[in-house]
Amino acid sequence: MDVLDSKPNLFSILIKLMKLRVIVLLQITAICAILVHDLLSRHGLIEIERTWYDTFFTMLITIVGGTLSAGGSNAINMWYDSDIDVHMTRTKNRPIPSGQISPTMALIFGIIISILGSSLFFLIHWKAAFWSFFSVFFYVFIYTVWLKRSTPQNIVIGGIAGATPPIIGWAAAAAETIDSTNPFDLGSPIPWMLFALIFLWTPPHFWALALYRSGEYAKAKVPMMNEVYGPEKTISQSKIYCFLLFFLGSVPCFWPQCGLPLLWAFVAGALTLWYSKSVWDIDPQEPVDENGRMPKAAKSFYRSLYYLGWMFLALVIVTIIPPDLLGFLGPLNY
């Protein structure tokens, strides 16, 4: 009787398959992209009329569609990785390896909600739907099936899938102004800069987790950077990405036409320095904790989550300020 009582209900199991905690941060980036677009339009920096109803409707579709599509991708990922999940402490209690749900049911659930979620974006614009379907395809077939088990660059290349939410959000908000048949044409370089932010953030973020969980990926035969080349090279690679993040944040300084306020460069620079310190603090020689893990790598991993969230939220705050109040710290095209 106690065993039956302790087994999660089906709804809880399906939620676990979707990995909603991971999705939350991705959804924040998509919602922030919508808000940045619509705030810039209200300041006259983008030639489009957007009411608050338009904004909230776009956000609703993005939240529901993005959660379903990303959650479906995660469920399919769990189905494919169920054979290696049993070997890692972090994943051995997931629904499939723990016997809470059959692999077939998890796969069917993932396929259905990922297609449903991506299709919802057709209600707004086909480009938003295109990038949502692209994200699902890339995460499942390119990252999960191909890259993850074949190269230590799995996270680097696979990060493309996780970097698409701002593109999807921006495409949904800018639907009336992006009538070209080119899916890469979103009417502004801003969504691609936000894409680059997540893409460059992903390697040091995930490598910190891999360092913290040192040994687990090797046990599962997943060629993570630290397992193949060692922690020293992994940390050195992470530092390179920190430099690239700092460079990306400073784009308004040398490319004022990008559309972002100059103030953003100073905010982004400060946040990147704050995050980068945690990467520089990682010491491959530090004593591991009682579980054989690197505490400073864990600190960097958790700080990276706050960093990405604050980078996007800070951009929204900066764009709330009317350009005439920002003066020379505002966007050049005002």
Protein backbone atom coordinates (compact mmCIF):
# COMPACT_ATOMS: atom_id res chain seq x y z
CA MET A 1 0.00 0.00 0.00
CA ASP A 2 2.84 2.35 0.83
CA VAL A 3 4.46 1.64 -2.54
CA LEU A 4 1.26 2.48 -4.40
CA ASP A 5 0.82 5.68 -2.44
CA SER A 6 4.36 6.80 -3.21
CA LYS A 7 4.06 6.34 -6.99
CA PRO A 8 3.49 9.70 -8.77
CA ASN A 9 0.27 10.17 -10.74
CA LEU A 10 0.38 10.28 -14.53
CA PHE A 11 0.19 14.07 -14.70
CA SER A 12 3.24 14.45 -12.43
CA ILE A 13 5.15 11.93 -14.53
CA LEU A 14 4.38 13.77 -17.77
CA ILE A 15 5.47 17.06 -16.20
CA LYS A 16 8.78 15.44 -15.24
CA LEU A 17 9.23 14.25 -18.81
CA MET A 18 8.84 17.83 -20.03
CA LYS A 19 11.54 19.15 -17.63
CA LEU A 20 9.56 22.32 -16.90
CA ARG A 21 12.26 23.80 -14.67
CA VAL A 22 14.60 23.90 -17.66
CA ILE A 23 11.90 25.36 -19.87
CA VAL A 24 11.20 28.30 -17.53
CA LEU A 25 14.49 30.02 -18.33
CA LEU A 26 14.01 29.48 -22.06
CA GLN A 27 10.52 30.96 -21.86
CA ILE A 28 11.85 34.00 -20.01
CA THR A 29 14.18 34.72 -22.93
CA ALA A 30 11.32 34.40 -25.44
CA ILE A 31 9.00 36.65 -23.43
CA CYS A 32 11.76 39.22 -22.98
CA ALA A 33 12.34 39.26 -26.74
CA ILE A 34 8.64 40.03 -27.27
CA LEU A 35 8.71 42.81 -24.69
CA VAL A 36 11.88 44.35 -26.13
CA HIS A 37 10.34 44.36 -29.62
CA ASP A 38 7.08 45.91 -28.49
CA LEU A 39 8.75 48.49 -26.23
CA LEU A 40 10.99 49.60 -29.10
CA SER A 41 7.93 49.87 -31.33
CA ARG A 42 6.19 52.06 -28.75
CA HIS A 43 9.23 54.33 -28.74
CA GLY A 44 8.97 54.63 -32.52
CA LEU A 45 12.17 52.66 -33.16
CA ILE A 46 10.31 49.90 -35.03
CA GLU A 47 7.62 50.83 -37.53
CA ILE A 48 4.74 48.71 -36.31
CA GLU A 49 1.61 49.37 -34.26
CA ARG A 50 1.40 47.05 -31.27
CA THR A 51 -1.35 47.26 -28.65
CA TRP A 52 -1.03 45.70 -25.21
CA TYR A 53 -3.59 43.14 -26.34
CA ASP A 54 -1.24 42.17 -29.18
CA THR A 55 1.62 41.88 -26.72
CA PHE A 56 -0.22 39.69 -24.22
CA PHE A 57 -1.77 37.49 -26.93
CA THR A 58 1.67 36.92 -28.44
CA MET A 59 3.09 36.14 -25.01
CA LEU A 60 0.27 33.65 -24.32
CA ILE A 61 0.80 31.76 -27.57
CA THR A 62 4.57 31.79 -26.99
CA ILE A 63 4.27 30.47 -23.44
CA VAL A 64 1.85 27.67 -24.36
CA GLY A 65 3.43 26.79 -27.71
CA GLY A 66 6.99 27.10 -26.42
CA THR A 67 6.31 25.01 -23.32
CA LEU A 68 4.69 22.22 -25.33
CA SER A 69 7.30 22.15 -28.10
CA ALA A 70 10.28 22.30 -25.72
CA GLY A 71 8.61 19.89 -23.30
CA GLY A 72 7.96 17.45 -26.13
CA SER A 73 11.59 17.69 -27.22
CA ASN A 74 12.70 16.95 -23.66
CA ALA A 75 10.38 13.93 -23.44
CA ILE A 76 11.80 12.52 -26.69
CA ASN A 77 15.29 13.21 -25.36
CA MET A 78 14.48 11.22 -22.20
CA TRP A 79 13.15 8.38 -24.33
CA TYR A 80 16.32 8.21 -26.43
CA ASP A 81 18.68 8.66 -23.46
CA SER A 82 16.93 6.25 -21.11
CA ASP A 83 19.72 3.70 -21.63
CA ILE A 84 22.40 6.07 -20.32
CA ASP A 85 20.27 7.90 -17.73
CA VAL A 86 20.48 4.88 -15.42
CA HIS A 87 24.24 5.42 -15.08
CA MET A 88 24.13 8.98 -13.74
CA THR A 89 23.00 10.15 -10.32
CA ARG A 90 21.41 13.25 -11.81
CA THR A 91 19.22 11.28 -14.22
CA LYS A 92 18.69 7.78 -12.83
CA ASN A 93 15.41 8.76 -11.14
CA ARG A 94 13.82 10.14 -14.30
CA PRO A 95 10.45 8.60 -15.20
CA ILE A 96 11.67 6.05 -17.76
CA PRO A 97 14.73 4.56 -15.98
CA SER A 98 12.78 4.48 -12.71
CA GLY A 99 9.96 2.54 -14.37
CA GLN A 100 7.26 5.18 -13.84
CA ILE A 101 6.29 5.22 -17.53
CA SER A 102 7.01 3.04 -20.55
CA PRO A 103 9.47 4.31 -23.18
CA THR A 104 6.82 4.01 -25.92
CA MET A 105 4.30 6.12 -24.05
CA ALA A 106 6.94 8.76 -23.31
CA LEU A 107 7.91 8.90 -26.99
CA ILE A 108 4.31 9.21 -28.19
CA PHE A 109 3.64 11.94 -25.62
CA GLY A 110 6.74 13.86 -26.70
CA ILE A 111 5.93 13.67 -30.41
CA ILE A 112 2.32 14.79 -29.95
CA ILE A 113 2.94 17.81 -27.74
CA SER A 114 6.03 18.99 -29.66
CA ILE A 115 4.08 19.04 -32.93
CA LEU A 116 1.06 20.62 -31.25
CA GLY A 117 3.18 23.29 -29.56
CA SER A 118 5.08 24.29 -32.69
CA SER A 119 1.87 24.32 -34.75
CA LEU A 120 0.29 26.85 -32.38
CA PHE A 121 2.69 29.48 -33.72
CA PHE A 122 0.94 29.32 -37.10
CA LEU A 123 -1.80 31.34 -35.38
CA ILE A 124 0.65 34.27 -35.41
CA HIS A 125 3.23 33.81 -38.17
CA TRP A 126 4.79 30.97 -40.11
CA LYS A 127 8.33 32.12 -39.26
CA ALA A 128 7.68 31.65 -35.55
CA ALA A 129 6.35 28.16 -36.33
CA PHE A 130 9.32 27.46 -38.60
CA TRP A 131 11.86 28.24 -35.89
CA SER A 132 9.90 26.29 -33.31
CA PHE A 133 9.85 23.20 -35.54
CA PHE A 134 13.53 23.79 -36.34
CA SER A 135 14.35 23.85 -32.62
CA VAL A 136 12.55 20.55 -32.02
CA PHE A 137 14.22 18.91 -35.02
CA PHE A 138 17.69 20.18 -34.11
CA TYR A 139 17.44 19.19 -30.45
CA VAL A 140 16.10 15.71 -31.14
CA PHE A 141 17.96 14.62 -34.27
CA ILE A 142 21.11 16.74 -34.37
CA TYR A 143 21.92 17.03 -30.66
CA THR A 144 20.30 14.03 -28.96
CA VAL A 145 20.68 11.37 -31.65
CA TRP A 146 23.90 12.49 -33.35
CA LEU A 147 26.10 14.92 -31.42
CA LYS A 148 25.64 14.04 -27.76
CA ARG A 149 27.32 10.65 -27.93
CA SER A 150 29.79 11.35 -30.74
CA THR A 151 31.75 14.56 -29.99
CA PRO A 152 32.88 16.71 -27.05
CA GLN A 153 31.53 19.65 -29.07
CA ASN A 154 28.01 18.28 -28.48
CA ILE A 155 26.96 21.14 -26.22
CA VAL A 156 28.53 23.82 -28.42
CA ILE A 157 26.73 22.82 -31.62
CA GLY A 158 23.65 21.51 -29.83
CA GLY A 159 23.27 24.89 -28.15
CA ILE A 160 21.71 26.17 -31.38
CA ALA A 161 18.42 24.53 -30.39
CA GLY A 162 18.34 26.14 -26.97
CA ALA A 163 19.17 29.56 -28.43
CA THR A 164 16.06 29.80 -30.62
CA PRO A 165 13.41 31.03 -28.09
CA PRO A 166 14.25 34.76 -28.59
CA ILE A 167 14.03 34.25 -32.35
CA ILE A 168 10.64 32.58 -31.99
CA GLY A 169 9.37 35.30 -29.65
CA TRP A 170 10.64 38.12 -31.87
CA ALA A 171 9.21 36.51 -35.02
CA ALA A 172 5.83 36.23 -33.31
CA ALA A 173 5.89 39.88 -32.21
CA ALA A 174 7.19 41.22 -35.54
CA ALA A 175 4.77 39.17 -37.65
CA GLU A 176 3.26 42.15 -39.49
CA THR A 177 6.63 43.47 -40.66
CA ILE A 178 8.43 40.31 -41.80
CA ASP A 179 6.62 39.32 -44.99
CA SER A 180 9.74 38.10 -46.85
CA THR A 181 10.05 34.39 -47.59
CA ASN A 182 13.49 34.26 -45.98
CA PRO A 183 13.09 32.69 -42.50
CA PHE A 184 16.31 34.39 -41.38
CA ASP A 185 14.88 37.84 -42.11
CA LEU A 186 13.31 39.03 -38.85
CA GLY A 187 13.52 42.72 -39.64
CA SER A 188 16.25 43.46 -37.09
CA PRO A 189 19.64 42.15 -35.93
CA ILE A 190 18.47 42.23 -32.29
CA PRO A 191 16.88 38.74 -32.18
CA TRP A 192 20.05 37.27 -33.66
CA MET A 193 22.14 39.01 -31.01
CA LEU A 194 19.89 37.47 -28.37
CA PHE A 195 20.31 34.11 -30.12
CA ALA A 196 24.10 34.58 -29.97
CA LEU A 197 23.90 35.43 -26.27
CA ILE A 198 22.32 32.09 -25.41
CA PHE A 199 24.52 30.20 -27.87
CA LEU A 200 27.73 31.59 -26.30
CA TRP A 201 26.39 31.14 -22.77
CA THR A 202 25.54 27.45 -23.20
CA PRO A 203 29.06 25.88 -23.25
CA PRO A 204 30.44 27.43 -20.03
CA HIS A 205 27.05 26.91 -18.38
CA PHE A 206 26.85 23.21 -19.18
CA TRP A 207 30.56 22.48 -18.83
CA ALA A 208 30.37 23.81 -15.27
CA LEU A 209 27.67 21.22 -14.60
CA ALA A 210 29.79 18.52 -16.24
CA LEU A 211 32.77 19.52 -14.07
CA TYR A 212 30.60 19.51 -10.97
CA ARG A 213 29.35 16.04 -11.88
CA SER A 214 32.82 14.87 -12.94
CA GLY A 215 32.94 11.18 -13.81
CA GLU A 216 29.25 10.65 -14.36
CA TYR A 217 29.26 11.38 -18.09
CA ALA A 218 32.30 9.14 -18.56
CA LYS A 219 30.43 6.35 -16.80
CA ALA A 220 27.56 6.84 -19.24
CA LYS A 221 30.06 7.02 -22.15
CA VAL A 222 29.04 10.55 -23.11
CA PRO A 223 32.13 12.42 -24.43
CA MET A 224 31.78 15.68 -22.51
CA MET A 225 34.66 18.15 -22.89
CA ASN A 226 36.01 17.59 -19.38
CA GLU A 227 35.91 13.79 -19.73
CA VAL A 228 37.78 13.82 -23.06
CA TYR A 229 40.27 16.68 -22.65
CA GLY A 230 40.36 17.18 -18.90
CA PRO A 231 39.12 19.95 -16.58
CA GLU A 232 41.98 22.38 -17.33
CA LYS A 233 41.19 22.61 -21.05
CA THR A 234 37.46 22.73 -20.30
CA ILE A 235 37.94 25.72 -18.02
CA SER A 236 40.18 27.42 -20.60
CA GLN A 237 37.50 26.92 -23.25
CA SER A 238 34.89 28.31 -20.87
CA LYS A 239 36.97 31.45 -20.38
CA ILE A 240 37.09 31.99 -24.15
CA TYR A 241 33.31 31.97 -24.24
CA CYS A 242 33.25 34.51 -21.41
CA PHE A 243 35.39 36.83 -23.55
CA LEU A 244 32.99 36.30 -26.45
CA LEU A 245 30.03 37.11 -24.20
CA PHE A 246 31.70 40.33 -23.12
CA PHE A 247 32.40 41.22 -26.76
CA LEU A 248 28.77 40.52 -27.69
CA GLY A 249 27.49 42.77 -24.92
CA SER A 250 29.68 45.61 -26.16
CA VAL A 251 28.27 45.48 -29.71
CA PRO A 252 26.33 48.79 -29.29
CA CYS A 253 29.68 50.53 -28.70
CA PHE A 254 31.06 49.75 -32.17
CA TRP A 255 27.82 49.04 -34.06
CA PRO A 256 25.32 51.69 -32.91
CA GLN A 257 22.98 50.81 -35.80
CA CYS A 258 22.22 47.44 -34.18
CA GLY A 259 19.22 49.05 -32.50
CA LEU A 260 20.18 48.39 -28.88
CA PRO A 261 20.74 51.30 -26.45
CA LEU A 262 24.35 52.07 -25.62
CA LEU A 263 23.40 51.73 -21.95
CA TRP A 264 22.90 48.04 -22.60
CA ALA A 265 26.63 47.64 -23.31
CA PHE A 266 27.56 48.85 -19.83
CA VAL A 267 24.89 46.75 -18.10
CA ALA A 268 25.81 43.65 -20.10
CA GLY A 269 29.51 44.21 -19.44
CA ALA A 270 29.00 44.44 -15.68
CA LEU A 271 26.84 41.32 -15.57
CA THR A 272 29.30 39.38 -17.73
CA LEU A 273 32.21 40.32 -15.48
CA TRP A 274 30.17 39.18 -12.47
CA TYR A 275 29.46 35.83 -14.11
CA SER A 276 32.97 35.41 -15.54
CA LYS A 277 34.50 35.64 -12.08
CA SER A 278 32.76 32.40 -11.16
CA VAL A 279 34.31 30.72 -14.22
CA TRP A 280 37.78 32.03 -13.33
CA ASP A 281 37.28 30.78 -9.76
CA ILE A 282 36.84 27.17 -10.86
CA ASP A 283 39.90 25.29 -9.65
CA PRO A 284 40.50 21.82 -11.09
CA GLN A 285 42.80 21.14 -8.15
CA GLU A 286 40.31 22.04 -5.41
CA PRO A 287 39.33 19.27 -2.99
CA VAL A 288 36.08 17.63 -4.02
CA ASP A 289 33.14 17.37 -1.66
CA GLU A 290 31.87 14.20 0.01
CA ASN A 291 30.19 13.19 -3.27
CA GLY A 292 33.36 13.63 -5.32
CA ARG A 293 32.17 16.86 -6.93
CA MET A 294 33.73 20.28 -7.50
CA PRO A 295 31.92 22.93 -5.39
CA LYS A 296 33.22 25.96 -7.32
CA ALA A 297 32.03 24.46 -10.58
CA ALA A 298 28.60 24.10 -9.02
CA LYS A 299 28.68 27.75 -7.97
CA SER A 300 29.52 28.79 -11.53
CA PHE A 301 26.72 26.63 -12.91
CA TYR A 302 24.09 28.20 -10.67
CA ARG A 303 25.43 31.70 -11.23
CA SER A 304 25.16 31.16 -14.98
CA LEU A 305 21.40 30.64 -14.59
CA TYR A 306 21.02 33.96 -12.80
CA TYR A 307 23.31 35.61 -15.34
CA LEU A 308 21.24 34.68 -18.37
CA GLY A 309 17.99 35.64 -16.69
CA TRP A 310 19.36 39.00 -15.57
CA MET A 311 20.83 39.73 -19.00
CA PHE A 312 17.41 39.45 -20.61
CA LEU A 313 15.50 41.16 -17.82
CA ALA A 314 18.01 44.01 -17.77
CA LEU A 315 17.55 44.49 -21.51
CA VAL A 316 13.80 44.83 -20.98
CA ILE A 317 14.37 47.39 -18.23
CA VAL A 318 16.76 49.38 -20.41
CA THR A 319 14.30 49.45 -23.31
CA ILE A 320 11.49 50.62 -21.03
CA ILE A 321 13.32 53.94 -20.61
CA PRO A 322 12.29 56.44 -23.34
CA PRO A 323 15.22 57.09 -25.70
CA ASP A 324 15.05 60.86 -25.15
CA LEU A 325 15.75 60.30 -21.45
CA LEU A 326 18.74 58.10 -22.24
CA GLY A 327 20.40 60.76 -24.37
CA PHE A 328 23.69 59.54 -25.88
CA LEU A 329 23.19 56.25 -24.00
CA GLY A 330 20.15 55.48 -26.14
CA PRO A 331 19.99 53.80 -29.57
CA LEU A 332 21.53 55.66 -32.49
CA ASN A 333 18.52 55.24 -34.78
CA TYR A 334 16.20 57.24 -32.51
